[in-house]
Amino acid sequence: MKQFGLSSKERIKSKKEFDLVYSEGEVVFSSSLRLKAAFYIDRNSDTAGIKTAYAVSRKSGNAVWRNRFKRLLRESFRLNKIDLCNYCTENKIGLLLIFSSNTLNQKKNKKLSLKDIMPDVLDLMDKLRKIF
């Protein structure tokens, strides 16, 4: 696993994994309530590490806005994933994580930038570390 990369092995792709997160997982909200993260922790995982996905509802905005939002979420996670990944691999924990917007939408935020989203992603990652 690259230190700052986000390979295809680190992404949730199958419907089975999405269903597992949404049916048996838990949800954490950021302090500003702009973002939420649904997660599932597998304590006895064969494949220790983190797999992520980024989901944005159609009601949030048009396709251009939603795609930009997902790119910014991906980038902010990619830049700050090191501590969380190391903790999961050391303790043999498998974490499935889905980031999505809670109250963030195109009407309220026409222009998005990395500095708008990064603090909320960091806050969610800190809350996840405390849950373990």
C-alpha atoms as a PDB file:
ATOM      1  CA  MET A   1       0.000   0.000   0.000  1.00  0.00           C
ATOM      2  CA  LYS A   2       1.376   3.358  -1.002  1.00  0.00           C
ATOM      3  CA  GLN A   3       1.667   6.009   1.654  1.00  0.00           C
ATOM      4  CA  PHE A   4      -0.309   8.635  -0.247  1.00  0.00           C
ATOM      5  CA  GLY A   5      -1.976   6.511  -2.914  1.00  0.00           C
ATOM      6  CA  LEU A   6      -5.524   5.244  -3.102  1.00  0.00           C
ATOM      7  CA  SER A   7      -5.456   1.972  -5.013  1.00  0.00           C
ATOM      8  CA  SER A   8      -8.385  -0.038  -6.283  1.00  0.00           C
ATOM      9  CA  LYS A   9      -7.837  -2.544  -3.438  1.00  0.00           C
ATOM     10  CA  GLU A  10      -8.658   0.250  -0.995  1.00  0.00           C
ATOM     11  CA  ARG A  11     -12.086   0.988  -2.481  1.00  0.00           C
ATOM     12  CA  ILE A  12     -15.448  -0.586  -1.764  1.00  0.00           C
ATOM     13  CA  LYS A  13     -16.837  -1.833  -5.059  1.00  0.00           C
ATOM     14  CA  SER A  14     -19.145  -4.753  -4.408  1.00  0.00           C
ATOM     15  CA  LYS A  15     -22.805  -4.532  -3.509  1.00  0.00           C
ATOM     16  CA  LYS A  16     -22.174  -7.074  -0.757  1.00  0.00           C
ATOM     17  CA  GLU A  17     -19.773  -4.717   1.032  1.00  0.00           C
ATOM     18  CA  PHE A  18     -22.098  -1.719   0.607  1.00  0.00           C
ATOM     19  CA  ASP A  19     -24.998  -3.732   2.044  1.00  0.00           C
ATOM     20  CA  LEU A  20     -22.838  -4.865   4.961  1.00  0.00           C
ATOM     21  CA  VAL A  21     -21.942  -1.292   5.876  1.00  0.00           C
ATOM     22  CA  TYR A  22     -25.469   0.049   5.559  1.00  0.00           C
ATOM     23  CA  SER A  23     -27.215  -2.860   7.318  1.00  0.00           C
ATOM     24  CA  GLU A  24     -24.813  -3.758  10.157  1.00  0.00           C
ATOM     25  CA  GLY A  25     -22.602  -0.692  10.379  1.00  0.00           C
ATOM     26  CA  GLU A  26     -22.803   2.505  12.387  1.00  0.00           C
ATOM     27  CA  VAL A  27     -22.919   6.185  11.413  1.00  0.00           C
ATOM     28  CA  VAL A  28     -20.748   9.035  12.712  1.00  0.00           C
ATOM     29  CA  PHE A  29     -21.403  12.712  11.999  1.00  0.00           C
ATOM     30  CA  SER A  30     -18.794  15.453  11.828  1.00  0.00           C
ATOM     31  CA  SER A  31     -18.943  18.202  14.453  1.00  0.00           C
ATOM     32  CA  SER A  32     -20.378  20.690  11.968  1.00  0.00           C
ATOM     33  CA  LEU A  33     -22.934  18.064  10.792  1.00  0.00           C
ATOM     34  CA  ARG A  34     -21.914  18.691   7.166  1.00  0.00           C
ATOM     35  CA  LEU A  35     -20.520  15.191   6.554  1.00  0.00           C
ATOM     36  CA  LYS A  36     -21.265  11.700   7.784  1.00  0.00           C
ATOM     37  CA  ALA A  37     -19.405   8.418   7.662  1.00  0.00           C
ATOM     38  CA  ALA A  38     -21.024   4.998   7.725  1.00  0.00           C
ATOM     39  CA  PHE A  39     -18.595   2.312   8.838  1.00  0.00           C
ATOM     40  CA  TYR A  40     -18.328  -1.371   9.652  1.00  0.00           C
ATOM     41  CA  ILE A  41     -15.523  -2.779  11.796  1.00  0.00           C
ATOM     42  CA  ASP A  42     -14.383  -6.369  11.301  1.00  0.00           C
ATOM     43  CA  ARG A  43     -12.161  -7.196  14.278  1.00  0.00           C
ATOM     44  CA  ASN A  44     -10.980 -10.606  13.034  1.00  0.00           C
ATOM     45  CA  SER A  45     -10.341  -9.705   9.439  1.00  0.00           C
ATOM     46  CA  ASP A  46      -8.068 -11.653   7.128  1.00  0.00           C
ATOM     47  CA  THR A  47      -7.498  -8.541   5.066  1.00  0.00           C
ATOM     48  CA  ALA A  48      -6.594  -5.878   7.614  1.00  0.00           C
ATOM     49  CA  GLY A  49      -6.834  -2.324   6.369  1.00  0.00           C
ATOM     50  CA  ILE A  50      -9.327   0.230   5.178  1.00  0.00           C
ATOM     51  CA  LYS A  51     -11.663   0.172   2.211  1.00  0.00           C
ATOM     52  CA  THR A  52     -13.516   3.382   1.392  1.00  0.00           C
ATOM     53  CA  ALA A  53     -16.310   4.634  -0.821  1.00  0.00           C
ATOM     54  CA  TYR A  54     -17.808   8.061  -1.420  1.00  0.00           C
ATOM     55  CA  ALA A  55     -21.550   8.407  -1.901  1.00  0.00           C
ATOM     56  CA  VAL A  56     -23.445  11.577  -2.766  1.00  0.00           C
ATOM     57  CA  SER A  57     -27.182  11.755  -3.313  1.00  0.00           C
ATOM     58  CA  ARG A  58     -28.640  13.214  -6.506  1.00  0.00           C
ATOM     59  CA  LYS A  59     -30.574  15.669  -4.353  1.00  0.00           C
ATOM     60  CA  SER A  60     -27.298  17.279  -3.281  1.00  0.00           C
ATOM     61  CA  GLY A  61     -26.636  18.934  -6.631  1.00  0.00           C
ATOM     62  CA  ASN A  62     -25.988  18.452 -10.302  1.00  0.00           C
ATOM     63  CA  ALA A  63     -23.510  15.892 -11.636  1.00  0.00           C
ATOM     64  CA  VAL A  64     -20.616  18.346 -11.911  1.00  0.00           C
ATOM     65  CA  TRP A  65     -20.990  19.444  -8.276  1.00  0.00           C
ATOM     66  CA  ARG A  66     -21.389  15.851  -7.010  1.00  0.00           C
ATOM     67  CA  ASN A  67     -18.310  14.634  -8.874  1.00  0.00           C
ATOM     68  CA  ARG A  68     -16.213  17.527  -7.580  1.00  0.00           C
ATOM     69  CA  PHE A  69     -17.420  16.825  -4.056  1.00  0.00           C
ATOM     70  CA  LYS A  70     -16.443  13.153  -4.351  1.00  0.00           C
ATOM     71  CA  ARG A  71     -13.003  14.074  -5.750  1.00  0.00           C
ATOM     72  CA  LEU A  72     -12.406  16.439  -2.822  1.00  0.00           C
ATOM     73  CA  LEU A  73     -13.528  13.795  -0.296  1.00  0.00           C
ATOM     74  CA  ARG A  74     -11.204  11.245  -1.897  1.00  0.00           C
ATOM     75  CA  GLU A  75      -8.271  13.652  -1.880  1.00  0.00           C
ATOM     76  CA  SER A  76      -8.734  14.740   1.727  1.00  0.00           C
ATOM     77  CA  PHE A  77      -8.923  11.106   2.878  1.00  0.00           C
ATOM     78  CA  ARG A  78      -5.928  10.108   0.757  1.00  0.00           C
ATOM     79  CA  LEU A  79      -3.729  12.821   2.269  1.00  0.00           C
ATOM     80  CA  ASN A  80      -4.623  11.921   5.871  1.00  0.00           C
ATOM     81  CA  LYS A  81      -5.135   8.158   5.883  1.00  0.00           C
ATOM     82  CA  ILE A  82      -1.710   7.103   7.206  1.00  0.00           C
ATOM     83  CA  ASP A  83      -2.433   6.987  10.955  1.00  0.00           C
ATOM     84  CA  LEU A  84      -5.777   5.235  10.590  1.00  0.00           C
ATOM     85  CA  CYS A  85      -4.373   2.677   8.111  1.00  0.00           C
ATOM     86  CA  ASN A  86      -1.378   1.887  10.312  1.00  0.00           C
ATOM     87  CA  TYR A  87      -3.624   1.370  13.342  1.00  0.00           C
ATOM     88  CA  CYS A  88      -5.905  -0.991  11.406  1.00  0.00           C
ATOM     89  CA  THR A  89      -3.050  -3.100  10.021  1.00  0.00           C
ATOM     90  CA  GLU A  90      -1.258  -3.350  13.391  1.00  0.00           C
ATOM     91  CA  ASN A  91      -4.392  -4.529  15.193  1.00  0.00           C
ATOM     92  CA  LYS A  92      -5.671  -6.686  12.297  1.00  0.00           C
ATOM     93  CA  ILE A  93      -8.855  -4.678  11.915  1.00  0.00           C
ATOM     94  CA  GLY A  94     -10.798  -4.484   8.663  1.00  0.00           C
ATOM     95  CA  LEU A  95     -12.646  -1.192   8.260  1.00  0.00           C
ATOM     96  CA  LEU A  96     -15.250  -0.504   5.583  1.00  0.00           C
ATOM     97  CA  LEU A  97     -15.940   3.228   5.407  1.00  0.00           C
ATOM     98  CA  ILE A  98     -18.405   5.247   3.311  1.00  0.00           C
ATOM     99  CA  PHE A  99     -18.202   9.042   3.339  1.00  0.00           C
ATOM    100  CA  SER A 100     -21.238  11.075   2.286  1.00  0.00           C
ATOM    101  CA  SER A 101     -22.763  14.499   2.728  1.00  0.00           C
ATOM    102  CA  ASN A 102     -25.258  15.178   5.477  1.00  0.00           C
ATOM    103  CA  THR A 103     -26.276  18.823   5.094  1.00  0.00           C
ATOM    104  CA  LEU A 104     -23.782  19.874   2.422  1.00  0.00           C
ATOM    105  CA  ASN A 105     -25.428  20.623  -0.927  1.00  0.00           C
ATOM    106  CA  GLN A 106     -25.073  22.765  -4.011  1.00  0.00           C
ATOM    107  CA  LYS A 107     -27.641  25.382  -2.959  1.00  0.00           C
ATOM    108  CA  LYS A 108     -25.683  26.285   0.176  1.00  0.00           C
ATOM    109  CA  ASN A 109     -22.191  25.803  -1.278  1.00  0.00           C
ATOM    110  CA  LYS A 110     -21.835  26.716  -4.945  1.00  0.00           C
ATOM    111  CA  LYS A 111     -18.038  26.557  -4.921  1.00  0.00           C
ATOM    112  CA  LEU A 112     -16.288  23.806  -3.010  1.00  0.00           C
ATOM    113  CA  SER A 113     -12.623  23.675  -2.181  1.00  0.00           C
ATOM    114  CA  LEU A 114     -10.383  21.294  -0.297  1.00  0.00           C
ATOM    115  CA  LYS A 115     -10.110  23.662   2.673  1.00  0.00           C
ATOM    116  CA  ASP A 116     -13.914  23.489   3.097  1.00  0.00           C
ATOM    117  CA  ILE A 117     -14.023  19.694   3.298  1.00  0.00           C
ATOM    118  CA  MET A 118     -10.688  18.708   4.871  1.00  0.00           C
ATOM    119  CA  PRO A 119     -11.536  19.763   8.482  1.00  0.00           C
ATOM    120  CA  ASP A 120     -14.735  17.711   8.461  1.00  0.00           C
ATOM    121  CA  VAL A 121     -12.962  14.626   7.083  1.00  0.00           C
ATOM    122  CA  LEU A 122     -10.230  14.969   9.720  1.00  0.00           C
ATOM    123  CA  ASP A 123     -12.891  15.303  12.412  1.00  0.00           C
ATOM    124  CA  LEU A 124     -14.606  12.111  11.216  1.00  0.00           C
ATOM    125  CA  MET A 125     -11.293  10.242  11.155  1.00  0.00           C
ATOM    126  CA  ASP A 126     -10.514  11.368  14.731  1.00  0.00           C
ATOM    127  CA  LYS A 127     -13.923  10.165  15.889  1.00  0.00           C
ATOM    128  CA  LEU A 128     -13.318   6.802  14.212  1.00  0.00           C
ATOM    129  CA  ARG A 129      -9.943   6.433  15.982  1.00  0.00           C
ATOM    130  CA  LYS A 130     -11.642   7.009  19.334  1.00  0.00           C
ATOM    131  CA  ILE A 131     -14.283   4.354  18.590  1.00  0.00           C
ATOM    132  CA  PHE A 132     -11.689   1.611  18.109  1.00  0.00           C
END
